Amino acid sequence: MTELLLLKLMLSFVIGGLFVAGCTAAAERFGTHVGGVIAGFPSTIAVALLSIGLVSGPEAASEATDVVPLVVGFNGLFLVGFAVFARRGLLRGLGGALLVWFLLSLAVVLSGFRDFAVSIAVFLVLLFVCHDLLWRRMDLPAFGGGRFRPTIGRMVSRAVFSGSVIALAAYLSKATGPIVGGVFSVFPAVFVSTLFIASRSRGVEFARALTKPLMVSGMINVAVYGVCVRYVYPILGLPLGTAAAFVVSLASAYGTFRFVMVRLGAAESPR
């Protein structure tokens, strides 16, 4: 048990840290649309659900997805909150957004909510609401890419910071019960790390612009991964089930990429 937990934390730290460091580098080099779409690919949830499956079995990991779509919807509200609160600074943006996420998630935990159908329905509503707020109601123009010279020190510091945040979320998803574990399996650790690093590197407005593609990619692709795990883990088991969920998520990621870059990206002139 202890060995599996340590393995989970190590994977979360290394894979998550490298993933976020790469995403922020892509955003700086190629612009907010590309970086945001990449950062929305499933990462924390994949490690968390796989770890639950290794410890408690594929069925337990499947059951943990009861609340995944609902909390992914809260992740969208986290991004909306950041875009609103960050007008007054990075720390207020992250603090206000995290407060919204924790209050909503706490309500889910205290209520003992486990209805997957309702979870899907609320997710779809929140997806529409968050899209409307970030893409239509707020003035968040895209930023183009620029010269980015990735030094070893910069990339290592980004990986260590983001890996630590993601590993903490992974620990909380394991150290708690199935409902809380499901909640923390989709804690917006990648969002927090990406927005913090992007803001420190290119400014708060650059980070705010990232919330638009992050919302589309992060909400849809993570929810797709969670739904796939729910149905394929009990049938295919952990290795094949994880591979199948990733394949479906890759197809979903391509769709979100086209949506952001072609339909919406073409309508904006990156800064």
Protein backbone atom coordinates (compact mmCIF):
# COMPACT_ATOMS: atom_id res chain seq x y z
CA MET A 1 0.00 0.00 0.00
CA THR A 2 2.74 2.45 1.00
CA GLU A 3 4.80 1.52 -2.06
CA LEU A 4 1.84 2.16 -4.36
CA LEU A 5 1.18 5.54 -2.74
CA LEU A 6 4.82 6.54 -3.14
CA LEU A 7 4.74 5.40 -6.76
CA LYS A 8 1.61 7.47 -7.36
CA LEU A 9 3.16 10.57 -5.81
CA MET A 10 6.37 10.12 -7.76
CA LEU A 11 4.49 9.70 -11.05
CA SER A 12 2.33 12.72 -10.27
CA PHE A 13 5.37 14.84 -9.43
CA VAL A 14 7.48 13.83 -12.43
CA ILE A 15 4.84 13.48 -15.14
CA GLY A 16 2.73 16.39 -13.92
CA GLY A 17 5.72 18.67 -13.50
CA LEU A 18 7.12 17.93 -16.96
CA PHE A 19 3.64 18.24 -18.48
CA VAL A 20 2.97 21.72 -17.08
CA ALA A 21 6.50 22.93 -17.84
CA GLY A 22 5.98 21.83 -21.45
CA CYS A 23 2.52 23.42 -21.66
CA THR A 24 3.70 26.81 -20.43
CA ALA A 25 6.66 26.69 -22.79
CA ALA A 26 4.27 25.90 -25.68
CA ALA A 27 2.02 28.82 -24.67
CA GLU A 28 4.95 31.23 -24.67
CA ARG A 29 6.33 29.92 -27.95
CA PHE A 30 3.12 29.37 -29.95
CA GLY A 31 0.51 31.52 -28.18
CA THR A 32 -2.31 31.14 -25.68
CA HIS A 33 -4.57 29.05 -27.92
CA VAL A 34 -2.04 26.27 -28.47
CA GLY A 35 -0.75 26.27 -24.89
CA GLY A 36 -4.24 26.28 -23.42
CA VAL A 37 -5.44 23.39 -25.57
CA ILE A 38 -2.41 21.27 -24.66
CA ALA A 39 -2.73 22.02 -20.95
CA GLY A 40 -6.32 20.78 -20.99
CA PHE A 41 -5.32 17.21 -21.84
CA PRO A 42 -6.02 14.70 -19.00
CA SER A 43 -3.06 14.36 -16.64
CA THR A 44 -3.89 14.52 -12.93
CA ILE A 45 -7.09 12.54 -13.36
CA ALA A 46 -5.28 9.78 -15.25
CA VAL A 47 -2.75 9.22 -12.47
CA ALA A 48 -5.39 9.54 -9.73
CA LEU A 49 -7.89 7.07 -11.20
CA LEU A 50 -5.18 4.60 -12.15
CA SER A 51 -3.85 4.72 -8.60
CA ILE A 52 -7.31 4.15 -7.14
CA GLY A 53 -7.64 1.17 -9.48
CA LEU A 54 -4.26 -0.25 -8.43
CA VAL A 55 -5.11 0.00 -4.73
CA SER A 56 -8.82 -0.84 -4.67
CA GLY A 57 -9.56 -2.43 -8.04
CA PRO A 58 -10.98 -1.25 -11.38
CA GLU A 59 -14.54 -1.20 -10.05
CA ALA A 60 -13.58 1.25 -7.29
CA ALA A 61 -11.92 3.54 -9.80
CA SER A 62 -15.04 3.34 -11.94
CA GLU A 63 -17.25 4.27 -8.99
CA ALA A 64 -14.98 7.21 -8.14
CA THR A 65 -16.06 8.85 -11.41
CA ASP A 66 -19.57 9.46 -10.05
CA VAL A 67 -18.67 13.06 -9.25
CA VAL A 68 -16.01 13.63 -11.93
CA PRO A 69 -18.16 15.43 -14.54
CA LEU A 70 -19.71 17.65 -11.87
CA VAL A 71 -16.35 18.70 -10.41
CA VAL A 72 -14.93 19.21 -13.92
CA GLY A 73 -17.75 21.72 -14.27
CA PHE A 74 -16.46 23.40 -11.11
CA ASN A 75 -13.05 23.58 -12.80
CA GLY A 76 -14.69 25.68 -15.48
CA LEU A 77 -16.02 28.01 -12.80
CA PHE A 78 -12.50 28.11 -11.35
CA LEU A 79 -11.25 29.50 -14.67
CA VAL A 80 -14.09 32.03 -14.83
CA GLY A 81 -13.28 33.07 -11.27
CA PHE A 82 -9.62 33.51 -12.12
CA ALA A 83 -10.43 35.62 -15.18
CA VAL A 84 -12.60 37.87 -13.00
CA PHE A 85 -10.51 38.10 -9.82
CA ALA A 86 -7.12 38.30 -11.58
CA ARG A 87 -8.01 41.78 -12.78
CA ARG A 88 -6.82 42.76 -9.31
CA GLY A 89 -3.67 40.65 -9.36
CA LEU A 90 -2.42 37.08 -9.63
CA LEU A 91 -2.77 36.09 -5.99
CA ARG A 92 -6.29 37.45 -5.75
CA GLY A 93 -7.13 35.66 -8.97
CA LEU A 94 -5.91 32.28 -7.77
CA GLY A 95 -7.21 32.79 -4.23
CA GLY A 96 -10.70 33.79 -5.33
CA ALA A 97 -10.92 31.02 -7.92
CA LEU A 98 -9.74 28.35 -5.48
CA LEU A 99 -12.22 29.57 -2.87
CA VAL A 100 -15.07 29.12 -5.37
CA TRP A 101 -13.82 25.62 -6.24
CA PHE A 102 -13.38 24.50 -2.64
CA LEU A 103 -16.78 25.77 -1.50
CA LEU A 104 -18.59 24.02 -4.35
CA SER A 105 -16.59 20.81 -3.89
CA LEU A 106 -17.15 20.88 -0.13
CA ALA A 107 -20.89 21.04 -0.75
CA VAL A 108 -20.62 17.91 -2.93
CA VAL A 109 -18.61 16.05 -0.29
CA LEU A 110 -20.92 17.00 2.60
CA SER A 111 -24.01 16.07 0.62
CA GLY A 112 -22.67 12.61 -0.27
CA PHE A 113 -23.69 13.21 -3.88
CA ARG A 114 -23.22 10.12 -6.12
CA ASP A 115 -25.68 10.53 -9.03
CA PHE A 116 -23.73 10.17 -12.27
CA ALA A 117 -26.61 11.21 -14.57
CA VAL A 118 -27.16 14.45 -12.64
CA SER A 119 -23.39 14.98 -12.63
CA ILE A 120 -23.34 14.82 -16.44
CA ALA A 121 -26.34 17.14 -16.74
CA VAL A 122 -24.83 19.79 -14.46
CA PHE A 123 -21.51 19.51 -16.29
CA LEU A 124 -23.19 20.26 -19.63
CA VAL A 125 -24.95 23.30 -18.16
CA LEU A 126 -21.71 24.61 -16.65
CA LEU A 127 -19.84 23.99 -19.91
CA PHE A 128 -22.32 26.20 -21.73
CA VAL A 129 -22.26 28.87 -19.00
CA CYS A 130 -18.46 28.99 -18.77
CA HIS A 131 -18.11 29.13 -22.55
CA ASP A 132 -20.56 32.01 -22.75
CA LEU A 133 -18.82 33.95 -19.97
CA LEU A 134 -15.23 33.48 -21.14
CA TRP A 135 -15.70 33.58 -24.91
CA ARG A 136 -18.55 36.05 -25.29
CA ARG A 137 -18.94 38.18 -22.18
CA MET A 138 -15.30 38.91 -21.28
CA ASP A 139 -12.75 40.81 -23.29
CA LEU A 140 -9.94 38.25 -23.33
CA PRO A 141 -8.05 38.62 -26.63
CA ALA A 142 -5.59 35.94 -27.66
CA PHE A 143 -1.85 36.43 -27.31
CA GLY A 144 0.47 35.23 -30.04
CA GLY A 145 3.68 33.37 -29.43
CA GLY A 146 7.11 34.88 -29.16
CA ARG A 147 10.70 34.04 -28.62
CA PHE A 148 11.13 31.59 -25.79
CA ARG A 149 14.55 30.45 -24.69
CA PRO A 150 14.06 27.53 -22.30
CA THR A 151 16.97 27.49 -19.86
CA ILE A 152 17.51 24.41 -17.73
CA GLY A 153 16.99 26.36 -14.53
CA ARG A 154 13.70 27.86 -15.70
CA MET A 155 12.27 24.55 -16.87
CA VAL A 156 13.39 22.68 -13.73
CA SER A 157 11.87 25.30 -11.42
CA ARG A 158 8.58 25.16 -13.33
CA ALA A 159 8.54 21.37 -13.22
CA VAL A 160 9.30 21.26 -9.48
CA PHE A 161 6.63 23.83 -8.61
CA SER A 162 3.90 22.32 -10.76
CA GLY A 163 4.87 18.75 -9.85
CA SER A 164 4.55 19.59 -6.16
CA VAL A 165 1.05 21.03 -6.62
CA ILE A 166 -0.09 18.03 -8.65
CA ALA A 167 1.47 15.52 -6.24
CA LEU A 168 -0.39 17.16 -3.35
CA ALA A 169 -3.68 16.78 -5.22
CA ALA A 170 -2.79 13.15 -5.96
CA TYR A 171 -2.09 12.49 -2.28
CA LEU A 172 -5.42 14.00 -1.24
CA SER A 173 -7.26 11.87 -3.81
CA LYS A 174 -5.74 8.74 -2.25
CA ALA A 175 -5.83 9.69 1.44
CA THR A 176 -9.59 10.28 1.43
CA GLY A 177 -12.73 8.26 0.74
CA PRO A 178 -14.20 7.48 -2.69
CA ILE A 179 -16.25 10.67 -2.97
CA VAL A 180 -13.46 12.99 -1.85
CA GLY A 181 -11.01 10.94 -3.89
CA GLY A 182 -13.13 11.46 -6.98
CA VAL A 183 -13.29 15.19 -6.25
CA PHE A 184 -9.53 15.57 -5.87
CA SER A 185 -8.85 13.40 -8.92
CA VAL A 186 -9.95 16.44 -10.94
CA PHE A 187 -8.59 19.17 -8.68
CA PRO A 188 -7.42 21.95 -11.05
CA ALA A 189 -3.76 21.44 -10.13
CA VAL A 190 -2.61 21.80 -13.74
CA PHE A 191 -4.69 24.97 -14.11
CA VAL A 192 -3.22 26.48 -10.93
CA SER A 193 0.34 25.68 -11.96
CA THR A 194 -0.10 26.78 -15.57
CA LEU A 195 -1.77 30.09 -14.71
CA PHE A 196 0.77 30.89 -11.98
CA ILE A 197 3.79 30.17 -14.19
CA ALA A 198 2.30 31.93 -17.23
CA SER A 199 1.47 35.00 -15.17
CA ARG A 200 4.95 35.20 -13.69
CA SER A 201 6.51 34.81 -17.12
CA ARG A 202 4.28 36.87 -19.45
CA GLY A 203 1.94 38.77 -17.14
CA VAL A 204 -1.52 38.40 -15.66
CA GLU A 205 -3.34 39.32 -18.87
CA PHE A 206 -1.53 36.53 -20.70
CA ALA A 207 -2.67 34.09 -18.01
CA ARG A 208 -6.24 35.41 -18.18
CA ALA A 209 -6.24 34.84 -21.95
CA LEU A 210 -5.23 31.21 -21.33
CA THR A 211 -8.50 30.57 -19.49
CA LYS A 212 -10.48 30.45 -22.75
CA PRO A 213 -8.73 27.50 -24.44
CA LEU A 214 -8.11 25.90 -21.05
CA MET A 215 -11.85 25.90 -20.41
CA VAL A 216 -12.74 24.25 -23.71
CA SER A 217 -9.94 21.69 -23.66
CA GLY A 218 -9.76 21.09 -19.91
CA MET A 219 -13.47 20.62 -19.34
CA ILE A 220 -14.25 18.47 -22.37
CA ASN A 221 -11.15 16.26 -22.52
CA VAL A 222 -11.01 15.55 -18.78
CA ALA A 223 -14.72 14.76 -18.64
CA VAL A 224 -14.37 12.45 -21.66
CA TYR A 225 -11.49 10.63 -19.97
CA GLY A 226 -13.46 10.19 -16.73
CA VAL A 227 -16.54 8.86 -18.54
CA CYS A 228 -14.39 6.42 -20.51
CA VAL A 229 -12.72 5.12 -17.36
CA ARG A 230 -16.12 4.58 -15.78
CA TYR A 231 -17.17 2.15 -18.48
CA VAL A 232 -13.93 0.57 -19.73
CA TYR A 233 -12.12 -0.15 -16.46
CA PRO A 234 -14.57 -2.85 -15.29
CA ILE A 235 -14.51 -4.47 -18.76
CA LEU A 236 -10.90 -4.10 -19.94
CA GLY A 237 -9.04 -3.75 -16.66
CA LEU A 238 -6.45 -1.12 -15.77
CA PRO A 239 -3.77 -1.33 -18.51
CA LEU A 240 -6.08 -1.70 -21.52
CA GLY A 241 -8.74 0.53 -19.95
CA THR A 242 -6.24 3.34 -19.40
CA ALA A 243 -4.94 2.98 -22.96
CA ALA A 244 -8.49 3.03 -24.36
CA ALA A 245 -9.41 6.13 -22.33
CA PHE A 246 -6.32 7.92 -23.61
CA VAL A 247 -7.10 7.02 -27.22
CA VAL A 248 -10.62 8.42 -26.90
CA SER A 249 -9.23 11.52 -25.15
CA LEU A 250 -6.77 12.04 -28.00
CA ALA A 251 -9.67 12.09 -30.45
CA SER A 252 -11.48 14.51 -28.16
CA ALA A 253 -8.35 16.66 -27.87
CA TYR A 254 -8.10 16.90 -31.64
CA GLY A 255 -11.73 18.03 -31.77
CA THR A 256 -11.19 20.72 -29.14
CA PHE A 257 -8.02 21.85 -30.91
CA ARG A 258 -9.93 22.32 -34.15
CA PHE A 259 -12.72 24.10 -32.31
CA VAL A 260 -10.36 26.57 -30.67
CA MET A 261 -7.91 27.11 -33.51
CA VAL A 262 -10.26 27.12 -36.50
CA ARG A 263 -13.73 28.20 -35.43
CA LEU A 264 -12.82 30.61 -32.64
CA GLY A 265 -9.14 31.31 -33.15
CA ALA A 266 -9.71 32.54 -36.69
CA ALA A 267 -12.09 35.17 -35.39
CA GLU A 268 -9.40 36.81 -33.26
CA SER A 269 -6.14 38.53 -34.02
CA PRO A 270 -3.52 37.39 -31.51
CA ARG A 271 -1.55 40.12 -29.80
